[in-house]
Amino acid sequence: MKNTLRIVTLIAIMQANSAFAATGAEAGGYSLIGWIFLGFLALIVTLQFVPALIMFGSMMAGVFGKAKNRETVTGNVK
């Protein structure tokens, strides 16, 4: 167990050092994976937004629209 912990700690330290060394001459920007991820997020937002607009429109039509087939109940006692 001690050897495994030592190896994991050593690998973590080595990975951290290479990450600090990689901040150099590369230009910033998104990679292909980044663009695919952002596109997927945009797709999710769009697919949630369309039904919300439809529901909002139906709600506004129900609140401000004309009444249909409403009957008044008067004297319905047996």
Protein backbone atom coordinates (compact mmCIF):
# COMPACT_ATOMS: atom_id res chain seq x y z
CA MET A 1 0.00 0.00 0.00
CA LYS A 2 2.85 2.37 0.81
CA ASN A 3 4.47 1.74 -2.56
CA THR A 4 1.21 2.45 -4.37
CA LEU A 5 0.77 5.69 -2.46
CA ARG A 6 4.34 6.74 -3.26
CA ILE A 7 3.87 6.00 -6.96
CA VAL A 8 0.57 7.89 -7.11
CA THR A 9 2.13 10.87 -5.32
CA LEU A 10 5.12 10.86 -7.66
CA ILE A 11 2.89 10.70 -10.75
CA ALA A 12 0.75 13.56 -9.43
CA ILE A 13 3.84 15.73 -8.82
CA MET A 14 5.22 14.95 -12.27
CA GLN A 15 1.91 15.79 -13.95
CA ALA A 16 1.68 19.09 -12.07
CA ASN A 17 5.19 20.06 -13.18
CA SER A 18 4.45 19.38 -16.84
CA ALA A 19 1.25 21.41 -16.60
CA PHE A 20 3.18 24.41 -15.29
CA ALA A 21 5.74 24.04 -18.05
CA ALA A 22 3.09 24.03 -20.79
CA THR A 23 2.16 27.71 -20.37
CA GLY A 24 4.30 29.05 -23.14
CA ALA A 25 4.22 29.83 -26.83
CA GLU A 26 0.90 28.20 -27.72
CA ALA A 27 -1.84 30.51 -28.94
CA GLY A 28 -5.05 30.60 -26.95
CA GLY A 29 -8.38 29.42 -28.27
CA TYR A 30 -10.69 26.46 -28.32
CA SER A 31 -9.78 23.09 -29.71
CA LEU A 32 -12.16 20.92 -31.70
CA ILE A 33 -13.33 19.20 -28.53
CA GLY A 34 -14.06 22.58 -26.96
CA TRP A 35 -16.17 23.66 -29.93
CA ILE A 36 -18.05 20.35 -29.90
CA PHE A 37 -18.75 20.77 -26.18
CA LEU A 38 -19.99 24.34 -26.65
CA GLY A 39 -22.17 23.23 -29.57
CA PHE A 40 -23.64 20.46 -27.44
CA LEU A 41 -24.45 22.96 -24.69
CA ALA A 42 -26.07 25.28 -27.23
CA LEU A 43 -28.13 22.38 -28.54
CA ILE A 44 -29.37 21.57 -25.05
CA VAL A 45 -30.29 25.20 -24.37
CA THR A 46 -32.12 25.45 -27.71
CA LEU A 47 -34.03 22.25 -27.17
CA GLN A 48 -35.16 23.50 -23.76
CA PHE A 49 -36.00 26.98 -25.03
CA VAL A 50 -38.39 26.00 -27.85
CA PRO A 51 -40.91 24.11 -25.67
CA ALA A 52 -40.68 26.87 -23.06
CA LEU A 53 -41.68 29.42 -25.69
CA ILE A 54 -44.58 27.25 -26.84
CA MET A 55 -45.78 26.82 -23.25
CA PHE A 56 -45.43 30.54 -22.57
CA GLY A 57 -47.43 31.36 -25.70
CA SER A 58 -50.19 28.94 -24.68
CA MET A 59 -50.27 30.41 -21.21
CA MET A 60 -50.58 33.96 -22.56
CA ALA A 61 -53.35 32.85 -24.94
CA GLY A 62 -55.18 31.27 -22.01
CA VAL A 63 -54.84 34.34 -19.81
CA PHE A 64 -55.60 37.03 -22.38
CA GLY A 65 -57.60 35.09 -24.97
CA LYS A 66 -61.36 34.83 -25.37
CA ALA A 67 -63.31 32.42 -23.20
CA LYS A 68 -64.46 29.27 -24.99
CA ASN A 69 -67.31 26.99 -24.00
CA ARG A 70 -67.77 28.35 -20.53
CA GLU A 71 -71.21 27.81 -19.11
CA THR A 72 -72.50 29.45 -15.98
CA VAL A 73 -73.91 27.08 -13.43
CA THR A 74 -77.07 28.44 -11.84
CA GLY A 75 -79.43 26.61 -9.54
CA ASN A 76 -77.94 23.14 -9.97
CA VAL A 77 -79.39 21.85 -6.70
CA LYS A 78 -81.29 18.56 -6.49
